[in-house]
PDB file of N, CA and C in Angstrom:
ATOM      1  N   MET A   1     151.878 153.343 158.968  1.00  0.00           N
ATOM      2  CA  MET A   1     151.953 151.952 159.366  1.00  0.00           C
ATOM      3  C   MET A   1     153.223 151.364 158.738  1.00  0.00           C
ATOM      4  N   LYS A   2     154.048 150.745 159.570  1.00  0.00           N
ATOM      5  CA  LYS A   2     155.289 150.127 159.112  1.00  0.00           C
ATOM      6  C   LYS A   2     155.088 148.617 159.006  1.00  0.00           C
ATOM      7  N   LEU A   3     155.162 148.098 157.782  1.00  0.00           N
ATOM      8  CA  LEU A   3     154.930 146.673 157.550  1.00  0.00           C
ATOM      9  C   LEU A   3     156.209 145.846 157.597  1.00  0.00           C
ATOM     10  N   GLY A   4     157.371 146.482 157.554  1.00  0.00           N
ATOM     11  CA  GLY A   4     158.636 145.752 157.620  1.00  0.00           C
ATOM     12  C   GLY A   4     159.106 145.279 156.264  1.00  0.00           C
ATOM     13  N   ALA A   5     160.018 144.315 156.278  1.00  0.00           N
ATOM     14  CA  ALA A   5     160.630 143.805 155.049  1.00  0.00           C
ATOM     15  C   ALA A   5     159.553 143.230 154.129  1.00  0.00           C
ATOM     16  N   PHE A   6     159.714 143.459 152.831  1.00  0.00           N
ATOM     17  CA  PHE A   6     158.781 142.945 151.836  1.00  0.00           C
ATOM     18  C   PHE A   6     159.452 141.856 151.004  1.00  0.00           C
ATOM     19  N   SER A   7     158.695 140.809 150.704  1.00  0.00           N
ATOM     20  CA  SER A   7     159.151 139.787 149.770  1.00  0.00           C
ATOM     21  C   SER A   7     157.933 139.188 149.085  1.00  0.00           C
ATOM     22  N   ILE A   8     158.193 138.507 148.007  1.00  0.00           N
ATOM     23  CA  ILE A   8     157.161 137.705 147.364  1.00  0.00           C
ATOM     24  C   ILE A   8     157.444 136.259 147.744  1.00  0.00           C
ATOM     25  N   SER A   9     156.424 135.557 148.161  1.00  0.00           N
ATOM     26  CA  SER A   9     156.555 134.142 148.517  1.00  0.00           C
ATOM     27  C   SER A   9     155.956 133.320 147.397  1.00  0.00           C
ATOM     28  N   LEU A  10     156.795 132.534 146.749  1.00  0.00           N
ATOM     29  CA  LEU A  10     156.372 131.749 145.596  1.00  0.00           C
ATOM     30  C   LEU A  10     156.199 130.284 145.965  1.00  0.00           C
ATOM     31  N   SER A  11     155.078 129.717 145.580  1.00  0.00           N
ATOM     32  CA  SER A  11     154.833 128.293 145.753  1.00  0.00           C
ATOM     33  C   SER A  11     155.432 127.600 144.530  1.00  0.00           C
ATOM     34  N   VAL A  12     156.487 126.808 144.739  1.00  0.00           N
ATOM     35  CA  VAL A  12     157.217 126.205 143.621  1.00  0.00           C
ATOM     36  C   VAL A  12     157.014 124.693 143.586  1.00  0.00           C
ATOM     37  N   LYS A  13     157.122 124.126 142.391  1.00  0.00           N
ATOM     38  CA  LYS A  13     156.968 122.682 142.211  1.00  0.00           C
ATOM     39  C   LYS A  13     158.251 121.929 142.520  1.00  0.00           C
ATOM     40  N   ASP A  14     159.394 122.517 142.150  1.00  0.00           N
ATOM     41  CA  ASP A  14     160.684 121.860 142.336  1.00  0.00           C
ATOM     42  C   ASP A  14     161.656 122.888 142.893  1.00  0.00           C
ATOM     43  N   LEU A  15     161.945 122.777 144.187  1.00  0.00           N
ATOM     44  CA  LEU A  15     162.766 123.771 144.865  1.00  0.00           C
ATOM     45  C   LEU A  15     164.148 123.902 144.239  1.00  0.00           C
ATOM     46  N   GLN A  16     164.765 122.786 143.881  1.00  0.00           N
ATOM     47  CA  GLN A  16     166.110 122.840 143.295  1.00  0.00           C
ATOM     48  C   GLN A  16     166.105 123.560 141.944  1.00  0.00           C
ATOM     49  N   LYS A  17     165.131 123.249 141.095  1.00  0.00           N
ATOM     50  CA  LYS A  17     165.047 123.921 139.799  1.00  0.00           C
ATOM     51  C   LYS A  17     164.807 125.416 139.973  1.00  0.00           C
ATOM     52  N   SER A  18     163.952 125.775 140.913  1.00  0.00           N
ATOM     53  CA  SER A  18     163.676 127.194 141.157  1.00  0.00           C
ATOM     54  C   SER A  18     164.907 127.900 141.709  1.00  0.00           C
ATOM     55  N   LYS A  19     165.617 127.248 142.620  1.00  0.00           N
ATOM     56  CA  LYS A  19     166.854 127.807 143.177  1.00  0.00           C
ATOM     57  C   LYS A  19     167.851 128.067 142.052  1.00  0.00           C
ATOM     58  N   ASP A  20     168.050 127.078 141.194  1.00  0.00           N
ATOM     59  CA  ASP A  20     168.986 127.215 140.075  1.00  0.00           C
ATOM     60  C   ASP A  20     168.589 128.376 139.169  1.00  0.00           C
ATOM     61  N   PHE A  21     167.302 128.485 138.879  1.00  0.00           N
ATOM     62  CA  PHE A  21     166.802 129.552 138.017  1.00  0.00           C
ATOM     63  C   PHE A  21     167.085 130.926 138.626  1.00  0.00           C
ATOM     64  N   TYR A  22     166.702 131.112 139.888  1.00  0.00           N
ATOM     65  CA  TYR A  22     166.872 132.433 140.509  1.00  0.00           C
ATOM     66  C   TYR A  22     168.337 132.770 140.754  1.00  0.00           C
ATOM     67  N   GLU A  23     169.181 131.772 140.944  1.00  0.00           N
ATOM     68  CA  GLU A  23     170.623 132.043 141.031  1.00  0.00           C
ATOM     69  C   GLU A  23     171.138 132.622 139.716  1.00  0.00           C
ATOM     70  N   LYS A  24     170.591 132.151 138.588  1.00  0.00           N
ATOM     71  CA  LYS A  24     170.985 132.688 137.281  1.00  0.00           C
ATOM     72  C   LYS A  24     170.535 134.128 137.104  1.00  0.00           C
ATOM     73  N   LEU A  25     169.535 134.550 137.868  1.00  0.00           N
ATOM     74  CA  LEU A  25     169.086 135.942 137.857  1.00  0.00           C
ATOM     75  C   LEU A  25     169.846 136.796 138.875  1.00  0.00           C
ATOM     76  N   GLY A  26     170.823 136.182 139.562  1.00  0.00           N
ATOM     77  CA  GLY A  26     171.653 136.935 140.497  1.00  0.00           C
ATOM     78  C   GLY A  26     171.251 136.838 141.953  1.00  0.00           C
ATOM     79  N   PHE A  27     170.291 135.983 142.277  1.00  0.00           N
ATOM     80  CA  PHE A  27     169.870 135.817 143.670  1.00  0.00           C
ATOM     81  C   PHE A  27     170.801 134.844 144.388  1.00  0.00           C
ATOM     82  N   THR A  28     171.001 135.074 145.677  1.00  0.00           N
ATOM     83  CA  THR A  28     171.761 134.158 146.526  1.00  0.00           C
ATOM     84  C   THR A  28     170.890 133.767 147.721  1.00  0.00           C
ATOM     85  N   THR A  29     171.140 132.585 148.238  1.00  0.00           N
ATOM     86  CA  THR A  29     170.367 132.091 149.381  1.00  0.00           C
ATOM     87  C   THR A  29     170.810 132.801 150.651  1.00  0.00           C
ATOM     88  N   MET A  30     169.835 133.297 151.413  1.00  0.00           N
ATOM     89  CA  MET A  30     170.150 133.943 152.687  1.00  0.00           C
ATOM     90  C   MET A  30     169.412 133.322 153.868  1.00  0.00           C
ATOM     91  N   GLY A  31     168.536 132.357 153.610  1.00  0.00           N
ATOM     92  CA  GLY A  31     167.799 131.729 154.702  1.00  0.00           C
ATOM     93  C   GLY A  31     167.088 130.482 154.241  1.00  0.00           C
ATOM     94  N   GLY A  32     166.548 129.760 155.201  1.00  0.00           N
ATOM     95  CA  GLY A  32     165.856 128.513 154.902  1.00  0.00           C
ATOM     96  C   GLY A  32     166.838 127.404 154.600  1.00  0.00           C
ATOM     97  N   GLY A  33     166.372 126.373 153.905  1.00  0.00           N
ATOM     98  CA  GLY A  33     167.229 125.255 153.544  1.00  0.00           C
ATOM     99  C   GLY A  33     166.466 124.253 152.702  1.00  0.00           C
ATOM    100  N   MET A  34     167.173 123.538 151.877  1.00  0.00           N
ATOM    101  CA  MET A  34     166.538 122.535 151.016  1.00  0.00           C
ATOM    102  C   MET A  34     165.796 121.495 151.867  1.00  0.00           C
ATOM    103  N   GLU A  35     166.387 121.083 152.994  1.00  0.00           N
ATOM    104  CA  GLU A  35     165.770 120.082 153.863  1.00  0.00           C
ATOM    105  C   GLU A  35     164.504 120.599 154.543  1.00  0.00           C
ATOM    106  N   GLN A  36     164.346 121.921 154.579  1.00  0.00           N
ATOM    107  CA  GLN A  36     163.154 122.530 155.175  1.00  0.00           C
ATOM    108  C   GLN A  36     162.095 122.851 154.119  1.00  0.00           C
ATOM    109  N   ASN A  37     162.394 122.560 152.865  1.00  0.00           N
ATOM    110  CA  ASN A  37     161.503 122.805 151.728  1.00  0.00           C
ATOM    111  C   ASN A  37     161.244 124.280 151.440  1.00  0.00           C
ATOM    112  N   TYR A  38     162.149 125.163 151.891  1.00  0.00           N
ATOM    113  CA  TYR A  38     162.017 126.566 151.505  1.00  0.00           C
ATOM    114  C   TYR A  38     163.378 127.251 151.536  1.00  0.00           C
ATOM    115  N   LEU A  39     163.491 128.281 150.701  1.00  0.00           N
ATOM    116  CA  LEU A  39     164.689 129.118 150.649  1.00  0.00           C
ATOM    117  C   LEU A  39     164.256 130.576 150.607  1.00  0.00           C
ATOM    118  N   ILE A  40     164.985 131.428 151.281  1.00  0.00           N
ATOM    119  CA  ILE A  40     164.828 132.864 151.146  1.00  0.00           C
ATOM    120  C   ILE A  40     166.035 133.322 150.339  1.00  0.00           C
ATOM    121  N   MET A  41     165.760 133.999 149.238  1.00  0.00           N
ATOM    122  CA  MET A  41     166.840 134.412 148.350  1.00  0.00           C
ATOM    123  C   MET A  41     166.821 135.930 148.187  1.00  0.00           C
ATOM    124  N   LYS A  42     168.021 136.479 147.937  1.00  0.00           N
ATOM    125  CA  LYS A  42     168.162 137.929 147.904  1.00  0.00           C
ATOM    126  C   LYS A  42     169.014 138.358 146.715  1.00  0.00           C
ATOM    127  N   ASN A  43     168.616 139.472 146.119  1.00  0.00           N
ATOM    128  CA  ASN A  43     169.392 140.142 145.082  1.00  0.00           C
ATOM    129  C   ASN A  43     169.313 141.625 145.404  1.00  0.00           C
ATOM    130  N   GLY A  44     170.408 142.198 145.916  1.00  0.00           N
ATOM    131  CA  GLY A  44     170.363 143.579 146.384  1.00  0.00           C
ATOM    132  C   GLY A  44     169.407 143.676 147.553  1.00  0.00           C
ATOM    133  N   SER A  45     168.408 144.548 147.440  1.00  0.00           N
ATOM    134  CA  SER A  45     167.414 144.657 148.511  1.00  0.00           C
ATOM    135  C   SER A  45     166.133 143.897 148.187  1.00  0.00           C
ATOM    136  N   THR A  46     166.135 143.131 147.093  1.00  0.00           N
ATOM    137  CA  THR A  46     164.965 142.371 146.667  1.00  0.00           C
ATOM    138  C   THR A  46     164.993 140.970 147.274  1.00  0.00           C
ATOM    139  N   LEU A  47     163.876 140.579 147.878  1.00  0.00           N
ATOM    140  CA  LEU A  47     163.753 139.273 148.517  1.00  0.00           C
ATOM    141  C   LEU A  47     162.659 138.450 147.864  1.00  0.00           C
ATOM    142  N   ILE A  48     162.938 137.157 147.696  1.00  0.00           N
ATOM    143  CA  ILE A  48     161.911 136.203 147.289  1.00  0.00           C
ATOM    144  C   ILE A  48     162.021 134.996 148.204  1.00  0.00           C
ATOM    145  N   GLY A  49     160.890 134.400 148.502  1.00  0.00           N
ATOM    146  CA  GLY A  49     160.861 133.139 149.226  1.00  0.00           C
ATOM    147  C   GLY A  49     160.374 132.063 148.275  1.00  0.00           C
ATOM    148  N   LEU A  50     161.067 130.943 148.248  1.00  0.00           N
ATOM    149  CA  LEU A  50     160.672 129.796 147.427  1.00  0.00           C
ATOM    150  C   LEU A  50     160.199 128.703 148.381  1.00  0.00           C
ATOM    151  N   PHE A  51     158.958 128.288 148.238  1.00  0.00           N
ATOM    152  CA  PHE A  51     158.351 127.324 149.158  1.00  0.00           C
ATOM    153  C   PHE A  51     157.783 126.154 148.377  1.00  0.00           C
ATOM    154  N   GLN A  52     158.267 124.949 148.666  1.00  0.00           N
ATOM    155  CA  GLN A  52     157.774 123.755 147.990  1.00  0.00           C
ATOM    156  C   GLN A  52     156.801 123.016 148.894  1.00  0.00           C
ATOM    157  N   ALA A  53     155.582 122.806 148.392  1.00  0.00           N
ATOM    158  CA  ALA A  53     154.543 122.023 149.086  1.00  0.00           C
ATOM    159  C   ALA A  53     154.203 122.582 150.466  1.00  0.00           C
ATOM    160  N   MET A  54     154.208 123.904 150.610  1.00  0.00           N
ATOM    161  CA  MET A  54     153.878 124.511 151.904  1.00  0.00           C
ATOM    162  C   MET A  54     152.572 125.283 151.868  1.00  0.00           C
ATOM    163  N   PHE A  55     152.192 125.827 150.720  1.00  0.00           N
ATOM    164  CA  PHE A  55     150.936 126.554 150.572  1.00  0.00           C
ATOM    165  C   PHE A  55     150.594 126.617 149.091  1.00  0.00           C
ATOM    166  N   ASP A  56     149.336 126.931 148.798  1.00  0.00           N
ATOM    167  CA  ASP A  56     148.885 127.064 147.412  1.00  0.00           C
ATOM    168  C   ASP A  56     148.982 128.517 146.977  1.00  0.00           C
ATOM    169  N   GLY A  57     149.415 128.738 145.769  1.00  0.00           N
ATOM    170  CA  GLY A  57     149.470 130.086 145.227  1.00  0.00           C
ATOM    171  C   GLY A  57     150.655 130.884 145.744  1.00  0.00           C
ATOM    172  N   ASN A  58     150.758 132.092 145.271  1.00  0.00           N
ATOM    173  CA  ASN A  58     151.832 132.995 145.661  1.00  0.00           C
ATOM    174  C   ASN A  58     151.288 134.054 146.610  1.00  0.00           C
ATOM    175  N   MET A  59     152.161 134.637 147.415  1.00  0.00           N
ATOM    176  CA  MET A  59     151.740 135.633 148.406  1.00  0.00           C
ATOM    177  C   MET A  59     152.703 136.803 148.443  1.00  0.00           C
ATOM    178  N   LEU A  60     152.149 137.962 148.738  1.00  0.00           N
ATOM    179  CA  LEU A  60     152.960 139.092 149.138  1.00  0.00           C
ATOM    180  C   LEU A  60     153.224 138.912 150.624  1.00  0.00           C
ATOM    181  N   THR A  61     154.455 139.106 151.059  1.00  0.00           N
ATOM    182  CA  THR A  61     154.803 138.869 152.461  1.00  0.00           C
ATOM    183  C   THR A  61     155.483 140.105 153.053  1.00  0.00           C
ATOM    184  N   PHE A  62     155.055 140.474 154.248  1.00  0.00           N
ATOM    185  CA  PHE A  62     155.668 141.561 155.004  1.00  0.00           C
ATOM    186  C   PHE A  62     156.091 141.012 156.358  1.00  0.00           C
ATOM    187  N   ASN A  63     157.248 141.446 156.842  1.00  0.00           N
ATOM    188  CA  ASN A  63     157.771 140.993 158.134  1.00  0.00           C
ATOM    189  C   ASN A  63     158.019 142.180 159.056  1.00  0.00           C
ATOM    190  N   PRO A  64     157.004 142.556 159.860  1.00  0.00           N
ATOM    191  CA  PRO A  64     157.209 143.637 160.824  1.00  0.00           C
ATOM    192  C   PRO A  64     158.368 143.304 161.772  1.00  0.00           C
ATOM    193  N   GLY A  65     159.201 144.299 162.035  1.00  0.00           N
ATOM    194  CA  GLY A  65     160.315 144.106 162.957  1.00  0.00           C
ATOM    195  C   GLY A  65     161.611 143.716 162.293  1.00  0.00           C
ATOM    196  N   TRP A  66     161.575 143.460 160.983  1.00  0.00           N
ATOM    197  CA  TRP A  66     162.781 143.081 160.240  1.00  0.00           C
ATOM    198  C   TRP A  66     163.034 144.041 159.095  1.00  0.00           C
ATOM    199  N   ASP A  67     164.326 144.215 158.769  1.00  0.00           N
ATOM    200  CA  ASP A  67     164.679 144.895 157.528  1.00  0.00           C
ATOM    201  C   ASP A  67     164.927 143.841 156.455  1.00  0.00           C
ATOM    202  N   GLU A  68     165.376 144.259 155.270  1.00  0.00           N
ATOM    203  CA  GLU A  68     165.555 143.314 154.165  1.00  0.00           C
ATOM    204  C   GLU A  68     166.711 142.345 154.362  1.00  0.00           C
ATOM    205  N   ASN A  69     167.472 142.519 155.445  1.00  0.00           N
ATOM    206  CA  ASN A  69     168.545 141.575 155.772  1.00  0.00           C
ATOM    207  C   ASN A  69     168.167 140.674 156.943  1.00  0.00           C
ATOM    208  N   ALA A  70     166.877 140.661 157.304  1.00  0.00           N
ATOM    209  CA  ALA A  70     166.359 139.897 158.442  1.00  0.00           C
ATOM    210  C   ALA A  70     167.009 140.336 159.747  1.00  0.00           C
ATOM    211  N   GLN A  71     167.384 141.617 159.794  1.00  0.00           N
ATOM    212  CA  GLN A  71     167.937 142.200 161.013  1.00  0.00           C
ATOM    213  C   GLN A  71     166.817 142.907 161.757  1.00  0.00           C
ATOM    214  N   ASN A  72     166.852 142.821 163.075  1.00  0.00           N
ATOM    215  CA  ASN A  72     165.816 143.446 163.885  1.00  0.00           C
ATOM    216  C   ASN A  72     165.838 144.960 163.748  1.00  0.00           C
ATOM    217  N   LEU A  73     164.650 145.542 163.639  1.00  0.00           N
ATOM    218  CA  LEU A  73     164.481 146.986 163.647  1.00  0.00           C
ATOM    219  C   LEU A  73     164.176 147.430 165.066  1.00  0.00           C
ATOM    220  N   ASP A  74     164.728 148.562 165.467  1.00  0.00           N
ATOM    221  CA  ASP A  74     164.454 149.071 166.811  1.00  0.00           C
ATOM    222  C   ASP A  74     162.991 149.451 166.973  1.00  0.00           C
ATOM    223  N   ALA A  75     162.454 150.145 165.983  1.00  0.00           N
ATOM    224  CA  ALA A  75     161.054 150.586 166.057  1.00  0.00           C
ATOM    225  C   ALA A  75     160.267 149.913 164.931  1.00  0.00           C
ATOM    226  N   PHE A  76     159.141 149.329 165.287  1.00  0.00           N
ATOM    227  CA  PHE A  76     158.272 148.721 164.277  1.00  0.00           C
ATOM    228  C   PHE A  76     156.860 148.628 164.821  1.00  0.00           C
ATOM    229  N   ASP A  77     155.911 148.489 163.916  1.00  0.00           N
ATOM    230  CA  ASP A  77     154.509 148.327 164.301  1.00  0.00           C
ATOM    231  C   ASP A  77     154.222 146.848 164.491  1.00  0.00           C
ATOM    232  N   ASP A  78     153.778 146.479 165.667  1.00  0.00           N
ATOM    233  CA  ASP A  78     153.435 145.096 165.981  1.00  0.00           C
ATOM    234  C   ASP A  78     152.273 144.641 165.094  1.00  0.00           C
ATOM    235  N   VAL A  79     152.294 143.387 164.714  1.00  0.00           N
ATOM    236  CA  VAL A  79     151.258 142.842 163.841  1.00  0.00           C
ATOM    237  C   VAL A  79     149.858 143.042 164.438  1.00  0.00           C
ATOM    238  N   ARG A  80     149.743 143.063 165.758  1.00  0.00           N
ATOM    239  CA  ARG A  80     148.436 143.263 166.387  1.00  0.00           C
ATOM    240  C   ARG A  80     147.935 144.685 166.187  1.00  0.00           C
ATOM    241  N   SER A  81     148.832 145.677 166.198  1.00  0.00           N
ATOM    242  CA  SER A  81     148.411 147.057 165.943  1.00  0.00           C
ATOM    243  C   SER A  81     148.107 147.238 164.452  1.00  0.00           C
ATOM    244  N   ILE A  82     148.834 146.540 163.584  1.00  0.00           N
ATOM    245  CA  ILE A  82     148.518 146.564 162.155  1.00  0.00           C
ATOM    246  C   ILE A  82     147.132 145.968 161.937  1.00  0.00           C
ATOM    247  N   GLN A  83     146.854 144.847 162.600  1.00  0.00           N
ATOM    248  CA  GLN A  83     145.546 144.202 162.505  1.00  0.00           C
ATOM    249  C   GLN A  83     144.448 145.158 162.939  1.00  0.00           C
ATOM    250  N   LYS A  84     144.652 145.830 164.047  1.00  0.00           N
ATOM    251  CA  LYS A  84     143.646 146.778 164.564  1.00  0.00           C
ATOM    252  C   LYS A  84     143.381 147.875 163.537  1.00  0.00           C
ATOM    253  N   HIS A  85     144.437 148.421 162.972  1.00  0.00           N
ATOM    254  CA  HIS A  85     144.302 149.477 161.962  1.00  0.00           C
ATOM    255  C   HIS A  85     143.515 148.966 160.750  1.00  0.00           C
ATOM    256  N   LEU A  86     143.857 147.783 160.268  1.00  0.00           N
ATOM    257  CA  LEU A  86     143.168 147.223 159.105  1.00  0.00           C
ATOM    258  C   LEU A  86     141.686 147.019 159.387  1.00  0.00           C
ATOM    259  N   LYS A  87     141.365 146.448 160.532  1.00  0.00           N
ATOM    260  CA  LYS A  87     139.966 146.192 160.893  1.00  0.00           C
ATOM    261  C   LYS A  87     139.189 147.497 161.047  1.00  0.00           C
ATOM    262  N   GLU A  88     139.833 148.518 161.640  1.00  0.00           N
ATOM    263  CA  GLU A  88     139.181 149.828 161.791  1.00  0.00           C
ATOM    264  C   GLU A  88     138.882 150.463 160.438  1.00  0.00           C
ATOM    265  N   ASN A  89     139.637 150.052 159.420  1.00  0.00           N
ATOM    266  CA  ASN A  89     139.441 150.595 158.081  1.00  0.00           C
ATOM    267  C   ASN A  89     138.664 149.658 157.167  1.00  0.00           C
ATOM    268  N   GLY A  90     137.971 148.692 157.777  1.00  0.00           N
ATOM    269  CA  GLY A  90     137.062 147.836 157.028  1.00  0.00           C
ATOM    270  C   GLY A  90     137.708 146.724 156.226  1.00  0.00           C
ATOM    271  N   ILE A  91     138.965 146.392 156.539  1.00  0.00           N
ATOM    272  CA  ILE A  91     139.645 145.305 155.837  1.00  0.00           C
ATOM    273  C   ILE A  91     139.312 143.990 156.537  1.00  0.00           C
ATOM    274  N   GLU A  92     138.807 143.030 155.772  1.00  0.00           N
ATOM    275  CA  GLU A  92     138.480 141.706 156.311  1.00  0.00           C
ATOM    276  C   GLU A  92     139.729 140.838 156.319  1.00  0.00           C
ATOM    277  N   LEU A  93     139.971 140.170 157.433  1.00  0.00           N
ATOM    278  CA  LEU A  93     141.135 139.288 157.573  1.00  0.00           C
ATOM    279  C   LEU A  93     140.702 137.837 157.447  1.00  0.00           C
ATOM    280  N   ASP A  94     141.530 137.049 156.768  1.00  0.00           N
ATOM    281  CA  ASP A  94     141.272 135.616 156.644  1.00  0.00           C
ATOM    282  C   ASP A  94     141.775 134.853 157.861  1.00  0.00           C
ATOM    283  N   LYS A  95     142.816 135.396 158.507  1.00  0.00           N
ATOM    284  CA  LYS A  95     143.351 134.825 159.741  1.00  0.00           C
ATOM    285  C   LYS A  95     143.790 135.981 160.615  1.00  0.00           C
ATOM    286  N   GLU A  96     143.255 136.037 161.834  1.00  0.00           N
ATOM    287  CA  GLU A  96     143.585 137.121 162.757  1.00  0.00           C
ATOM    288  C   GLU A  96     144.620 136.675 163.778  1.00  0.00           C
ATOM    289  N   ALA A  97     145.366 137.653 164.275  1.00  0.00           N
ATOM    290  CA  ALA A  97     146.317 137.426 165.363  1.00  0.00           C
ATOM    291  C   ALA A  97     145.568 137.428 166.687  1.00  0.00           C
ATOM    292  N   ASP A  98     146.075 136.692 167.649  1.00  0.00           N
ATOM    293  CA  ASP A  98     145.525 136.699 168.997  1.00  0.00           C
ATOM    294  C   ASP A  98     145.999 137.986 169.676  1.00  0.00           C
ATOM    295  N   GLU A  99     145.080 138.886 169.931  1.00  0.00           N
ATOM    296  CA  GLU A  99     145.419 140.192 170.503  1.00  0.00           C
ATOM    297  C   GLU A  99     145.863 140.116 171.959  1.00  0.00           C
ATOM    298  N   ASN A 100     145.697 138.966 172.593  1.00  0.00           N
ATOM    299  CA  ASN A 100     146.085 138.803 173.988  1.00  0.00           C
ATOM    300  C   ASN A 100     147.487 138.235 174.146  1.00  0.00           C
ATOM    301  N   THR A 101     148.240 138.179 173.052  1.00  0.00           N
ATOM    302  CA  THR A 101     149.600 137.654 173.089  1.00  0.00           C
ATOM    303  C   THR A 101     150.576 138.750 172.678  1.00  0.00           C
ATOM    304  N   SER A 102     151.848 138.432 172.762  1.00  0.00           N
ATOM    305  CA  SER A 102     152.890 139.316 172.251  1.00  0.00           C
ATOM    306  C   SER A 102     153.923 138.443 171.551  1.00  0.00           C
ATOM    307  N   GLY A 103     154.814 139.075 170.794  1.00  0.00           N
ATOM    308  CA  GLY A 103     155.847 138.323 170.093  1.00  0.00           C
ATOM    309  C   GLY A 103     155.384 137.810 168.751  1.00  0.00           C
ATOM    310  N   PRO A 104     155.991 136.707 168.293  1.00  0.00           N
ATOM    311  CA  PRO A 104     155.692 136.198 166.952  1.00  0.00           C
ATOM    312  C   PRO A 104     154.204 135.911 166.745  1.00  0.00           C
ATOM    313  N   GLU A 105     153.709 136.315 165.567  1.00  0.00           N
ATOM    314  CA  GLU A 105     152.300 136.110 165.214  1.00  0.00           C
ATOM    315  C   GLU A 105     152.144 136.509 163.748  1.00  0.00           C
ATOM    316  N   HIS A 106     151.054 136.117 163.123  1.00  0.00           N
ATOM    317  CA  HIS A 106     150.825 136.476 161.728  1.00  0.00           C
ATOM    318  C   HIS A 106     149.345 136.636 161.440  1.00  0.00           C
ATOM    319  N   ILE A 107     149.064 137.356 160.351  1.00  0.00           N
ATOM    320  CA  ILE A 107     147.708 137.519 159.847  1.00  0.00           C
ATOM    321  C   ILE A 107     147.731 137.296 158.339  1.00  0.00           C
ATOM    322  N   TYR A 108     146.572 136.904 157.785  1.00  0.00           N
ATOM    323  CA  TYR A 108     146.389 136.763 156.346  1.00  0.00           C
ATOM    324  C   TYR A 108     145.228 137.644 155.917  1.00  0.00           C
ATOM    325  N   LEU A 109     145.334 138.199 154.734  1.00  0.00           N
ATOM    326  CA  LEU A 109     144.233 138.924 154.127  1.00  0.00           C
ATOM    327  C   LEU A 109     144.382 138.830 152.616  1.00  0.00           C
ATOM    328  N   LYS A 110     143.351 139.239 151.896  1.00  0.00           N
ATOM    329  CA  LYS A 110     143.401 139.234 150.436  1.00  0.00           C
ATOM    330  C   LYS A 110     143.121 140.643 149.930  1.00  0.00           C
ATOM    331  N   ASP A 111     143.792 140.985 148.834  1.00  0.00           N
ATOM    332  CA  ASP A 111     143.499 142.266 148.205  1.00  0.00           C
ATOM    333  C   ASP A 111     142.220 142.116 147.380  1.00  0.00           C
ATOM    334  N   PRO A 112     141.711 143.194 146.771  1.00  0.00           N
ATOM    335  CA  PRO A 112     140.441 143.103 146.032  1.00  0.00           C
ATOM    336  C   PRO A 112     140.439 142.089 144.885  1.00  0.00           C
ATOM    337  N   ASP A 113     141.622 141.699 144.397  1.00  0.00           N
ATOM    338  CA  ASP A 113     141.696 140.723 143.312  1.00  0.00           C
ATOM    339  C   ASP A 113     141.954 139.310 143.797  1.00  0.00           C
ATOM    340  N   GLY A 114     141.939 139.104 145.115  1.00  0.00           N
ATOM    341  CA  GLY A 114     142.123 137.775 145.673  1.00  0.00           C
ATOM    342  C   GLY A 114     143.566 137.379 145.913  1.00  0.00           C
ATOM    343  N   ASN A 115     144.501 138.309 145.740  1.00  0.00           N
ATOM    344  CA  ASN A 115     145.910 138.012 146.016  1.00  0.00           C
ATOM    345  C   ASN A 115     146.129 137.935 147.521  1.00  0.00           C
ATOM    346  N   MET A 116     146.776 136.870 147.951  1.00  0.00           N
ATOM    347  CA  MET A 116     147.014 136.646 149.379  1.00  0.00           C
ATOM    348  C   MET A 116     148.148 137.538 149.876  1.00  0.00           C
ATOM    349  N   ILE A 117     147.945 138.106 151.065  1.00  0.00           N
ATOM    350  CA  ILE A 117     148.955 138.914 151.732  1.00  0.00           C
ATOM    351  C   ILE A 117     149.179 138.312 153.124  1.00  0.00           C
ATOM    352  N   LEU A 118     150.440 138.039 153.423  1.00  0.00           N
ATOM    353  CA  LEU A 118     150.828 137.513 154.730  1.00  0.00           C
ATOM    354  C   LEU A 118     151.623 138.598 155.447  1.00  0.00           C
ATOM    355  N   ILE A 119     151.217 138.913 156.668  1.00  0.00           N
ATOM    356  CA  ILE A 119     151.989 139.814 157.536  1.00  0.00           C
ATOM    357  C   ILE A 119     152.465 138.940 158.678  1.00  0.00           C
ATOM    358  N   ASP A 120     153.758 138.634 158.652  1.00  0.00           N
ATOM    359  CA  ASP A 120     154.354 137.580 159.487  1.00  0.00           C
ATOM    360  C   ASP A 120     155.467 138.165 160.362  1.00  0.00           C
ATOM    361  N   GLN A 121     155.135 138.347 161.626  1.00  0.00           N
ATOM    362  CA  GLN A 121     156.086 138.907 162.598  1.00  0.00           C
ATOM    363  C   GLN A 121     156.831 137.771 163.300  1.00  0.00           C
ATOM    364  N   HIS A 122     158.156 137.802 163.234  1.00  0.00           N
ATOM    365  CA  HIS A 122     158.973 136.722 163.799  1.00  0.00           C
ATOM    366  C   HIS A 122     159.508 137.002 165.189  1.00  0.00           C
ATOM    367  N   ARG A 123     159.250 138.167 165.747  1.00  0.00           N
ATOM    368  CA  ARG A 123     159.785 138.491 167.073  1.00  0.00           C
ATOM    369  C   ARG A 123     158.799 139.241 167.925  1.00  0.00           C
TER     370      ARG A 123
END
């Protein structure tokens, strides 16, 4: 199963302070915007998303169809086929994708310790 690009999505209190902090760790902004209340930042192949007032807690995030540069992959597993695989293996989803659609869609699930996982397909 190919989950695509991986990042950690952090729920931050002050986007500017968080941006400044992660820049000191060598991260640069590659997506989002201050006016949108989120930034995607990169250091090498490591990605983090900083989100202010968009969700509670932190999440592991996977983007089927994208590499770590947000470039389209030729071959990838659609989020609906990932959902089917997870359900067949007894994984409970908190939010399911509409299997009668195609293109962008997302699902949510939690690991055994309650950590949120977002599988977010943008294409």
